[in-house]
Amino acid sequence: MNPAMNNLVISLAAMQVAKRVPFEDPQVLIYVRIAYVATQAVVLAVYYYVAQQIRKKNDQTVLKYVEPNAMNKDESKLVTTTVRDYDLGEVSKLVRAVYMGLAMMAFMHLYLNYTQPLFIQALMGLKTLYDAKPVSIHLLGKPAEGDLKRPFKVGGMFGAASDPQTDKAAIDEAEKRIGKKDD
């Protein structure tokens, strides 16, 4: 099962459990808040540690791929980077996602007084951390093969995705297109 569907199943199960948690009890609410904040702090700390490991490895292997444009195939962009910069960019995206989640939770909990999402997001934060590809490579020590091969595949909700193209023909065609635009 792909990670998006897996997240959906875990969210639905967490919602069923959250219905049975007595959030009206101030003591329980404090514990849920502490669990949420602790989870987010752990996730951010792990991402920071992974970024440090990436910088320490300093893998300068060149990575070339064509990033597809969903709207216009002729607008696909050729990307030339290093493994180090690519991985740091991916970690940066993960950190931004955590901050966006924190902002949304702050709004939902403090302004709208919703408490169940705190419980659910505390669980989902750990699941997202486990699914993060840079964490799998640099912390868990898995080889960069298959699903962990760079550039990472971008999975859609139901398996529909426009994956980066790494084949030589696509890269050559993108280089020709860029050369024609420069003339």
N, C-alpha and C. Protein backbone atom coordinates (compact mmCIF):
# COMPACT_ATOMS: atom_id res chain seq x y z
N MET A 1 0.85 -1.17 0.00
CA MET A 1 0.00 0.00 0.00
C MET A 1 0.90 1.24 0.00
N ASN A 2 0.53 2.24 -0.82
CA ASN A 2 1.38 3.44 -0.88
C ASN A 2 1.22 4.27 0.40
N PRO A 3 2.20 5.13 0.70
CA PRO A 3 2.17 5.87 1.96
C PRO A 3 0.94 6.76 2.13
N ALA A 4 0.41 7.32 1.06
CA ALA A 4 -0.76 8.19 1.19
C ALA A 4 -1.98 7.39 1.67
N MET A 5 -2.18 6.22 1.09
CA MET A 5 -3.30 5.38 1.52
C MET A 5 -3.06 4.86 2.95
N ASN A 6 -1.82 4.55 3.25
CA ASN A 6 -1.46 4.10 4.59
C ASN A 6 -1.77 5.19 5.62
N ASN A 7 -1.42 6.44 5.28
CA ASN A 7 -1.73 7.57 6.16
C ASN A 7 -3.23 7.72 6.37
N LEU A 8 -3.99 7.52 5.31
CA LEU A 8 -5.44 7.63 5.41
C LEU A 8 -6.00 6.57 6.36
N VAL A 9 -5.53 5.36 6.24
CA VAL A 9 -6.00 4.27 7.10
C VAL A 9 -5.63 4.56 8.55
N ILE A 10 -4.39 5.00 8.78
CA ILE A 10 -3.97 5.31 10.16
C ILE A 10 -4.77 6.47 10.72
N SER A 11 -5.04 7.48 9.90
CA SER A 11 -5.85 8.63 10.36
C SER A 11 -7.24 8.19 10.76
N LEU A 12 -7.86 7.35 9.95
CA LEU A 12 -9.21 6.88 10.27
C LEU A 12 -9.21 6.06 11.56
N ALA A 13 -8.21 5.22 11.73
CA ALA A 13 -8.12 4.42 12.95
C ALA A 13 -7.88 5.33 14.16
N ALA A 14 -7.01 6.34 13.99
CA ALA A 14 -6.73 7.27 15.09
C ALA A 14 -7.98 8.07 15.45
N MET A 15 -8.80 8.39 14.46
CA MET A 15 -10.04 9.12 14.75
C MET A 15 -10.98 8.28 15.60
N GLN A 16 -11.03 6.98 15.31
CA GLN A 16 -11.89 6.10 16.10
C GLN A 16 -11.39 6.01 17.54
N VAL A 17 -10.08 5.96 17.72
CA VAL A 17 -9.52 5.92 19.07
C VAL A 17 -9.76 7.27 19.76
N ALA A 18 -9.59 8.37 19.01
CA ALA A 18 -9.75 9.72 19.59
C ALA A 18 -11.17 9.95 20.09
N LYS A 19 -12.15 9.29 19.48
CA LYS A 19 -13.53 9.45 19.93
C LYS A 19 -13.71 8.93 21.37
N ARG A 20 -12.86 8.01 21.78
CA ARG A 20 -12.98 7.40 23.09
C ARG A 20 -12.12 8.09 24.16
N VAL A 21 -11.32 9.06 23.74
CA VAL A 21 -10.46 9.77 24.69
C VAL A 21 -11.27 10.91 25.32
N PRO A 22 -11.27 11.01 26.63
CA PRO A 22 -12.05 12.07 27.29
C PRO A 22 -11.30 13.42 27.28
N PHE A 23 -11.42 14.15 26.19
CA PHE A 23 -10.71 15.43 26.06
C PHE A 23 -11.26 16.51 26.98
N GLU A 24 -12.45 16.29 27.57
CA GLU A 24 -13.03 17.28 28.50
C GLU A 24 -12.22 17.33 29.79
N ASP A 25 -11.56 16.24 30.13
CA ASP A 25 -10.74 16.18 31.34
C ASP A 25 -9.48 17.01 31.11
N PRO A 26 -9.26 18.06 31.92
CA PRO A 26 -8.09 18.93 31.72
C PRO A 26 -6.76 18.19 31.80
N GLN A 27 -6.70 17.17 32.64
CA GLN A 27 -5.46 16.40 32.77
C GLN A 27 -5.14 15.65 31.47
N VAL A 28 -6.15 15.04 30.86
CA VAL A 28 -5.97 14.32 29.60
C VAL A 28 -5.57 15.30 28.49
N LEU A 29 -6.21 16.46 28.48
CA LEU A 29 -5.90 17.46 27.46
C LEU A 29 -4.45 17.93 27.57
N ILE A 30 -3.98 18.11 28.78
CA ILE A 30 -2.57 18.51 29.00
C ILE A 30 -1.64 17.43 28.44
N TYR A 31 -1.94 16.16 28.73
CA TYR A 31 -1.10 15.07 28.24
C TYR A 31 -1.10 15.00 26.71
N VAL A 32 -2.24 15.23 26.09
CA VAL A 32 -2.32 15.20 24.63
C VAL A 32 -1.51 16.36 24.05
N ARG A 33 -1.62 17.53 24.65
CA ARG A 33 -0.82 18.68 24.19
C ARG A 33 0.68 18.40 24.32
N ILE A 34 1.07 17.83 25.45
CA ILE A 34 2.48 17.50 25.67
C ILE A 34 2.94 16.47 24.63
N ALA A 35 2.11 15.47 24.37
CA ALA A 35 2.47 14.45 23.39
C ALA A 35 2.63 15.06 22.00
N TYR A 36 1.73 15.97 21.63
CA TYR A 36 1.81 16.61 20.31
C TYR A 36 3.08 17.45 20.19
N VAL A 37 3.34 18.29 21.17
CA VAL A 37 4.53 19.15 21.13
C VAL A 37 5.80 18.31 21.15
N ALA A 38 5.82 17.26 21.97
CA ALA A 38 7.00 16.40 22.04
C ALA A 38 7.24 15.69 20.71
N THR A 39 6.17 15.22 20.09
CA THR A 39 6.31 14.56 18.79
C THR A 39 6.88 15.50 17.75
N GLN A 40 6.34 16.72 17.69
CA GLN A 40 6.83 17.68 16.70
C GLN A 40 8.29 18.06 16.98
N ALA A 41 8.65 18.18 18.25
CA ALA A 41 10.04 18.49 18.60
C ALA A 41 10.98 17.36 18.19
N VAL A 42 10.55 16.12 18.42
CA VAL A 42 11.36 14.97 18.01
C VAL A 42 11.52 14.93 16.49
N VAL A 43 10.44 15.16 15.77
CA VAL A 43 10.49 15.15 14.31
C VAL A 43 11.45 16.22 13.81
N LEU A 44 11.35 17.43 14.33
CA LEU A 44 12.25 18.51 13.90
C LEU A 44 13.70 18.19 14.26
N ALA A 45 13.92 17.62 15.44
CA ALA A 45 15.28 17.27 15.85
C ALA A 45 15.87 16.20 14.93
N VAL A 46 15.06 15.21 14.55
CA VAL A 46 15.54 14.17 13.65
C VAL A 46 15.87 14.76 12.28
N TYR A 47 15.01 15.64 11.77
CA TYR A 47 15.29 16.27 10.47
C TYR A 47 16.57 17.11 10.54
N TYR A 48 16.78 17.81 11.65
CA TYR A 48 18.01 18.58 11.82
C TYR A 48 19.22 17.65 11.83
N TYR A 49 19.12 16.54 12.53
CA TYR A 49 20.21 15.57 12.60
C TYR A 49 20.51 14.98 11.22
N VAL A 50 19.46 14.65 10.47
CA VAL A 50 19.63 14.11 9.12
C VAL A 50 20.32 15.14 8.23
N ALA A 51 19.94 16.41 8.34
CA ALA A 51 20.59 17.47 7.55
C ALA A 51 22.07 17.56 7.90
N GLN A 52 22.39 17.42 9.18
CA GLN A 52 23.80 17.44 9.60
C GLN A 52 24.56 16.25 9.00
N GLN A 53 23.93 15.08 8.98
CA GLN A 53 24.56 13.90 8.40
C GLN A 53 24.80 14.08 6.90
N ILE A 54 23.85 14.69 6.22
CA ILE A 54 23.99 14.95 4.78
C ILE A 54 25.16 15.89 4.54
N ARG A 55 25.25 16.95 5.35
CA ARG A 55 26.37 17.90 5.20
C ARG A 55 27.70 17.22 5.49
N LYS A 56 27.71 16.32 6.48
CA LYS A 56 28.95 15.63 6.85
C LYS A 56 29.42 14.70 5.73
N LYS A 57 28.47 13.98 5.11
CA LYS A 57 28.82 13.07 4.01
C LYS A 57 29.29 13.84 2.78
N ASN A 58 28.68 15.00 2.52
CA ASN A 58 29.07 15.90 1.43
C ASN A 58 29.21 15.15 0.10
N ASP A 59 28.18 14.39 -0.28
CA ASP A 59 28.18 13.62 -1.53
C ASP A 59 27.99 14.57 -2.71
N GLN A 60 29.06 14.77 -3.48
CA GLN A 60 29.04 15.71 -4.61
C GLN A 60 28.76 15.02 -5.94
N THR A 61 28.17 13.83 -5.90
CA THR A 61 27.80 13.12 -7.13
C THR A 61 26.74 13.94 -7.87
N VAL A 62 26.97 14.14 -9.17
CA VAL A 62 26.04 14.94 -9.97
C VAL A 62 24.77 14.14 -10.22
N LEU A 63 23.65 14.82 -10.09
CA LEU A 63 22.33 14.22 -10.28
C LEU A 63 21.60 15.05 -11.32
N LYS A 64 21.26 14.43 -12.46
CA LYS A 64 20.53 15.11 -13.53
C LYS A 64 19.20 14.42 -13.73
N TYR A 65 18.15 15.21 -13.84
CA TYR A 65 16.83 14.66 -14.12
C TYR A 65 15.95 15.73 -14.71
N VAL A 66 14.86 15.29 -15.32
CA VAL A 66 13.88 16.21 -15.91
C VAL A 66 12.67 16.22 -15.00
N GLU A 67 12.37 17.38 -14.48
CA GLU A 67 11.21 17.55 -13.60
C GLU A 67 10.01 17.86 -14.47
N PRO A 68 9.02 16.96 -14.51
CA PRO A 68 7.89 17.16 -15.42
C PRO A 68 6.97 18.29 -14.98
N ASN A 69 6.39 18.93 -15.97
CA ASN A 69 5.38 19.96 -15.73
C ASN A 69 4.04 19.33 -16.08
N ALA A 70 3.14 19.25 -15.13
CA ALA A 70 1.86 18.57 -15.34
C ALA A 70 1.01 19.27 -16.39
N MET A 71 1.13 20.58 -16.49
CA MET A 71 0.29 21.34 -17.41
C MET A 71 0.80 21.27 -18.85
N ASN A 72 2.11 21.40 -19.03
CA ASN A 72 2.67 21.48 -20.37
C ASN A 72 3.96 20.67 -20.42
N LYS A 73 3.93 19.60 -21.17
CA LYS A 73 5.10 18.71 -21.23
C LYS A 73 6.32 19.43 -21.80
N ASP A 74 6.11 20.42 -22.68
CA ASP A 74 7.23 21.17 -23.25
C ASP A 74 7.90 22.09 -22.23
N GLU A 75 7.23 22.33 -21.12
CA GLU A 75 7.78 23.20 -20.07
C GLU A 75 8.52 22.41 -18.99
N SER A 76 8.76 21.13 -19.24
CA SER A 76 9.51 20.32 -18.27
C SER A 76 10.88 20.94 -18.06
N LYS A 77 11.35 20.86 -16.82
CA LYS A 77 12.57 21.57 -16.44
C LYS A 77 13.70 20.58 -16.19
N LEU A 78 14.87 20.86 -16.79
CA LEU A 78 16.06 20.06 -16.56
C LEU A 78 16.71 20.54 -15.27
N VAL A 79 16.96 19.62 -14.36
CA VAL A 79 17.57 19.95 -13.08
C VAL A 79 18.93 19.25 -13.00
N THR A 80 19.96 20.03 -12.73
CA THR A 80 21.30 19.48 -12.50
C THR A 80 21.73 19.93 -11.11
N THR A 81 21.97 18.97 -10.24
CA THR A 81 22.33 19.26 -8.86
C THR A 81 23.27 18.17 -8.34
N THR A 82 23.58 18.24 -7.08
CA THR A 82 24.37 17.17 -6.46
C THR A 82 23.47 16.40 -5.51
N VAL A 83 23.90 15.21 -5.14
CA VAL A 83 23.12 14.39 -4.20
C VAL A 83 22.97 15.14 -2.88
N ARG A 84 24.03 15.81 -2.44
CA ARG A 84 23.98 16.57 -1.18
C ARG A 84 22.92 17.65 -1.24
N ASP A 85 22.93 18.45 -2.30
CA ASP A 85 21.97 19.54 -2.41
C ASP A 85 20.54 19.02 -2.58
N TYR A 86 20.39 17.93 -3.33
CA TYR A 86 19.07 17.35 -3.52
C TYR A 86 18.50 16.88 -2.18
N ASP A 87 19.32 16.14 -1.42
CA ASP A 87 18.85 15.62 -0.13
C ASP A 87 18.55 16.75 0.86
N LEU A 88 19.39 17.79 0.86
CA LEU A 88 19.12 18.94 1.74
C LEU A 88 17.83 19.63 1.34
N GLY A 89 17.56 19.72 0.04
CA GLY A 89 16.30 20.30 -0.43
C GLY A 89 15.11 19.48 0.02
N GLU A 90 15.24 18.16 -0.03
CA GLU A 90 14.15 17.29 0.42
C GLU A 90 13.91 17.43 1.92
N VAL A 91 14.97 17.52 2.70
CA VAL A 91 14.82 17.71 4.15
C VAL A 91 14.18 19.07 4.42
N SER A 92 14.56 20.07 3.65
CA SER A 92 13.96 21.40 3.81
C SER A 92 12.44 21.36 3.54
N LYS A 93 12.03 20.60 2.54
CA LYS A 93 10.59 20.45 2.26
C LYS A 93 9.89 19.78 3.45
N LEU A 94 10.53 18.79 4.03
CA LEU A 94 9.95 18.09 5.18
C LEU A 94 9.81 19.02 6.38
N VAL A 95 10.82 19.85 6.62
CA VAL A 95 10.77 20.79 7.74
C VAL A 95 9.66 21.82 7.51
N ARG A 96 9.55 22.32 6.28
CA ARG A 96 8.46 23.27 5.97
C ARG A 96 7.10 22.64 6.21
N ALA A 97 6.95 21.37 5.87
CA ALA A 97 5.68 20.68 6.10
C ALA A 97 5.36 20.59 7.59
N VAL A 98 6.39 20.37 8.41
CA VAL A 98 6.17 20.34 9.87
C VAL A 98 5.70 21.70 10.36
N TYR A 99 6.35 22.77 9.90
CA TYR A 99 5.96 24.11 10.33
C TYR A 99 4.55 24.47 9.87
N MET A 100 4.19 24.06 8.67
CA MET A 100 2.82 24.31 8.20
C MET A 100 1.82 23.56 9.07
N GLY A 101 2.15 22.32 9.41
CA GLY A 101 1.28 21.54 10.30
C GLY A 101 1.14 22.17 11.67
N LEU A 102 2.26 22.69 12.19
CA LEU A 102 2.21 23.39 13.49
C LEU A 102 1.30 24.61 13.42
N ALA A 103 1.41 25.37 12.34
CA ALA A 103 0.58 26.57 12.19
C ALA A 103 -0.90 26.19 12.10
N MET A 104 -1.20 25.14 11.34
CA MET A 104 -2.60 24.72 11.21
C MET A 104 -3.14 24.19 12.53
N MET A 105 -2.32 23.42 13.24
CA MET A 105 -2.76 22.89 14.54
C MET A 105 -2.96 24.02 15.54
N ALA A 106 -2.08 25.00 15.53
CA ALA A 106 -2.24 26.14 16.43
C ALA A 106 -3.56 26.84 16.16
N PHE A 107 -3.87 27.05 14.90
CA PHE A 107 -5.13 27.70 14.53
C PHE A 107 -6.32 26.84 14.95
N MET A 108 -6.26 25.55 14.60
CA MET A 108 -7.40 24.67 14.89
C MET A 108 -7.61 24.46 16.39
N HIS A 109 -6.53 24.38 17.14
CA HIS A 109 -6.67 24.10 18.57
C HIS A 109 -6.92 25.37 19.38
N LEU A 110 -6.12 26.38 19.13
CA LEU A 110 -6.23 27.59 19.96
C LEU A 110 -7.40 28.47 19.56
N TYR A 111 -7.70 28.57 18.27
CA TYR A 111 -8.76 29.47 17.82
C TYR A 111 -10.10 28.74 17.71
N LEU A 112 -10.10 27.54 17.12
CA LEU A 112 -11.35 26.81 16.91
C LEU A 112 -11.66 25.82 18.03
N ASN A 113 -10.71 25.63 18.95
CA ASN A 113 -10.86 24.74 20.10
C ASN A 113 -11.08 23.27 19.73
N TYR A 114 -10.50 22.81 18.63
CA TYR A 114 -10.54 21.39 18.29
C TYR A 114 -9.41 20.69 19.02
N THR A 115 -9.71 19.54 19.62
CA THR A 115 -8.68 18.82 20.36
C THR A 115 -8.31 17.48 19.71
N GLN A 116 -9.23 16.85 19.03
CA GLN A 116 -8.94 15.56 18.41
C GLN A 116 -7.77 15.62 17.42
N PRO A 117 -7.65 16.66 16.59
CA PRO A 117 -6.52 16.71 15.65
C PRO A 117 -5.15 16.68 16.34
N LEU A 118 -5.05 17.18 17.56
CA LEU A 118 -3.77 17.10 18.28
C LEU A 118 -3.36 15.65 18.48
N PHE A 119 -4.31 14.84 18.90
CA PHE A 119 -4.05 13.42 19.14
C PHE A 119 -3.66 12.73 17.84
N ILE A 120 -4.42 12.99 16.79
CA ILE A 120 -4.17 12.34 15.50
C ILE A 120 -2.83 12.76 14.92
N GLN A 121 -2.53 14.05 14.98
CA GLN A 121 -1.28 14.55 14.41
C GLN A 121 -0.06 14.12 15.22
N ALA A 122 -0.23 13.86 16.48
CA ALA A 122 0.88 13.32 17.27
C ALA A 122 1.29 11.96 16.72
N LEU A 123 0.30 11.15 16.35
CA LEU A 123 0.59 9.84 15.76
C LEU A 123 1.11 9.97 14.33
N MET A 124 0.49 10.84 13.55
CA MET A 124 0.88 10.98 12.15
C MET A 124 2.28 11.59 11.99
N GLY A 125 2.70 12.39 12.94
CA GLY A 125 4.05 12.95 12.88
C GLY A 125 5.10 11.86 12.90
N LEU A 126 4.91 10.88 13.75
CA LEU A 126 5.84 9.75 13.82
C LEU A 126 5.78 8.90 12.55
N LYS A 127 4.59 8.72 12.01
CA LYS A 127 4.43 7.95 10.77
C LYS A 127 5.12 8.66 9.62
N THR A 128 4.96 9.96 9.53
CA THR A 128 5.59 10.75 8.47
C THR A 128 7.11 10.69 8.60
N LEU A 129 7.59 10.75 9.82
CA LEU A 129 9.03 10.66 10.06
C LEU A 129 9.57 9.31 9.57
N TYR A 130 8.86 8.25 9.86
CA TYR A 130 9.29 6.92 9.43
C TYR A 130 9.27 6.80 7.90
N ASP A 131 8.31 7.44 7.23
CA ASP A 131 8.18 7.35 5.78
C ASP A 131 9.13 8.28 5.03
N ALA A 132 9.76 9.24 5.70
CA ALA A 132 10.62 10.22 5.03
C ALA A 132 11.82 9.52 4.41
N LYS A 133 12.00 9.72 3.12
CA LYS A 133 13.07 9.03 2.39
C LYS A 133 14.46 9.45 2.84
N PRO A 134 14.73 10.75 3.07
CA PRO A 134 16.06 11.10 3.58
C PRO A 134 16.36 10.46 4.94
N VAL A 135 15.35 10.30 5.77
CA VAL A 135 15.54 9.65 7.07
C VAL A 135 15.89 8.17 6.86
N SER A 136 15.20 7.53 5.93
CA SER A 136 15.48 6.12 5.65
C SER A 136 16.92 5.92 5.18
N ILE A 137 17.40 6.83 4.34
CA ILE A 137 18.74 6.70 3.78
C ILE A 137 19.81 7.07 4.80
N HIS A 138 19.68 8.24 5.41
CA HIS A 138 20.77 8.79 6.22
C HIS A 138 20.71 8.42 7.70
N LEU A 139 19.56 8.01 8.20
CA LEU A 139 19.46 7.65 9.62
C LEU A 139 19.31 6.13 9.79
N LEU A 140 18.43 5.54 8.99
CA LEU A 140 18.19 4.10 9.10
C LEU A 140 19.19 3.29 8.29
N GLY A 141 19.97 3.95 7.43
CA GLY A 141 21.03 3.28 6.69
C GLY A 141 20.57 2.41 5.53
N LYS A 142 19.38 2.65 5.03
CA LYS A 142 18.91 1.87 3.88
C LYS A 142 19.63 2.34 2.62
N PRO A 143 19.90 1.43 1.68
CA PRO A 143 20.58 1.84 0.44
C PRO A 143 19.63 2.65 -0.45
N ALA A 144 20.19 3.56 -1.23
CA ALA A 144 19.40 4.42 -2.12
C ALA A 144 19.05 3.66 -3.40
N GLU A 145 18.23 2.64 -3.25
CA GLU A 145 17.80 1.81 -4.37
C GLU A 145 16.29 1.70 -4.36
N GLY A 146 15.72 1.35 -5.49
CA GLY A 146 14.27 1.15 -5.57
C GLY A 146 13.52 2.45 -5.32
N ASP A 147 12.63 2.43 -4.33
CA ASP A 147 11.85 3.63 -4.00
C ASP A 147 12.72 4.75 -3.42
N LEU A 148 13.88 4.40 -2.90
CA LEU A 148 14.77 5.40 -2.30
C LEU A 148 15.79 5.95 -3.30
N LYS A 149 15.68 5.55 -4.57
CA LYS A 149 16.61 6.03 -5.59
C LYS A 149 16.29 7.49 -5.91
N ARG A 150 17.33 8.29 -5.99
CA ARG A 150 17.16 9.70 -6.30
C ARG A 150 17.04 9.89 -7.80
N PRO A 151 16.26 10.81 -8.28
CA PRO A 151 15.30 11.65 -7.56
C PRO A 151 14.11 10.80 -7.11
N PHE A 152 13.60 11.16 -5.95
CA PHE A 152 12.51 10.40 -5.35
C PHE A 152 11.25 10.53 -6.17
N LYS A 153 10.51 9.43 -6.24
CA LYS A 153 9.23 9.45 -6.93
C LYS A 153 8.22 10.21 -6.07
N VAL A 154 7.39 10.98 -6.73
CA VAL A 154 6.36 11.75 -6.04
C VAL A 154 5.06 11.00 -6.22
N GLY A 155 4.63 10.30 -5.19
CA GLY A 155 3.43 9.49 -5.27
C GLY A 155 2.18 10.32 -5.05
N GLY A 156 1.17 10.07 -5.87
CA GLY A 156 -0.12 10.73 -5.70
C GLY A 156 -0.99 9.94 -4.75
N MET A 157 -2.18 10.41 -4.53
CA MET A 157 -3.08 9.78 -3.58
C MET A 157 -3.44 8.35 -4.00
N PHE A 158 -3.72 8.15 -5.26
CA PHE A 158 -4.13 6.83 -5.73
C PHE A 158 -3.12 6.25 -6.72
N GLY A 159 -1.86 6.55 -6.51
CA GLY A 159 -0.81 5.99 -7.34
C GLY A 159 -0.49 6.82 -8.57
N ALA A 160 -1.31 7.81 -8.89
CA ALA A 160 -1.04 8.65 -10.06
C ALA A 160 0.04 9.66 -9.70
N ALA A 161 1.10 9.63 -10.45
CA ALA A 161 2.20 10.54 -10.16
C ALA A 161 2.94 10.87 -11.43
N SER A 162 3.52 12.04 -11.47
CA SER A 162 4.39 12.41 -12.59
C SER A 162 5.81 12.40 -12.04
N ASP A 163 6.47 11.27 -12.24
CA ASP A 163 7.79 11.08 -11.67
C ASP A 163 8.86 11.79 -12.49
N PRO A 164 9.93 12.22 -11.84
CA PRO A 164 11.05 12.80 -12.57
C PRO A 164 11.64 11.76 -13.53
N GLN A 165 12.06 12.24 -14.69
CA GLN A 165 12.63 11.34 -15.68
C GLN A 165 14.14 11.38 -15.58
N THR A 166 14.76 10.21 -15.50
CA THR A 166 16.21 10.15 -15.37
C THR A 166 16.86 9.48 -16.57
N ASP A 167 16.06 9.05 -17.54
CA ASP A 167 16.65 8.37 -18.69
C ASP A 167 17.40 9.36 -19.58
N LYS A 168 18.41 8.86 -20.28
CA LYS A 168 19.30 9.69 -21.08
C LYS A 168 18.53 10.43 -22.18
N ALA A 169 17.56 9.78 -22.81
CA ALA A 169 16.80 10.39 -23.89
C ALA A 169 16.04 11.63 -23.40
N ALA A 170 15.41 11.54 -22.26
CA ALA A 170 14.65 12.68 -21.71
C ALA A 170 15.58 13.83 -21.34
N ILE A 171 16.74 13.49 -20.76
CA ILE A 171 17.70 14.54 -20.39
C ILE A 171 18.26 15.22 -21.63
N ASP A 172 18.62 14.42 -22.67
CA ASP A 172 19.15 15.00 -23.92
C ASP A 172 18.11 15.90 -24.58
N GLU A 173 16.84 15.46 -24.59
CA GLU A 173 15.79 16.26 -25.22
C GLU A 173 15.58 17.58 -24.47
N ALA A 174 15.64 17.54 -23.14
CA ALA A 174 15.49 18.76 -22.34
C ALA A 174 16.67 19.70 -22.57
N GLU A 175 17.88 19.15 -22.70
CA GLU A 175 19.05 19.98 -22.97
C GLU A 175 18.94 20.66 -24.33
N LYS A 176 18.43 19.93 -25.35
CA LYS A 176 18.23 20.51 -26.68
C LYS A 176 17.21 21.65 -26.62
N ARG A 177 16.13 21.41 -25.90
CA ARG A 177 15.06 22.43 -25.79
C ARG A 177 15.60 23.69 -25.11
N ILE A 178 16.42 23.51 -24.09
CA ILE A 178 17.00 24.66 -23.38
C ILE A 178 17.96 25.40 -24.31
N GLY A 179 18.72 24.63 -25.09
CA GLY A 179 19.66 25.24 -26.04
C GLY A 179 18.94 26.06 -27.09
N LYS A 180 17.78 25.59 -27.57
CA LYS A 180 17.01 26.33 -28.57
C LYS A 180 16.44 27.62 -28.01
N LYS A 181 16.03 27.61 -26.73
CA LYS A 181 15.47 28.82 -26.12
C LYS A 181 16.52 29.89 -25.91
N ASP A 182 17.79 29.47 -25.71
CA ASP A 182 18.87 30.44 -25.48
C ASP A 182 19.25 31.16 -26.77
N ASP A 183 18.98 30.58 -27.94
CA ASP A 183 19.38 31.20 -29.21
C ASP A 183 18.62 32.46 -29.54
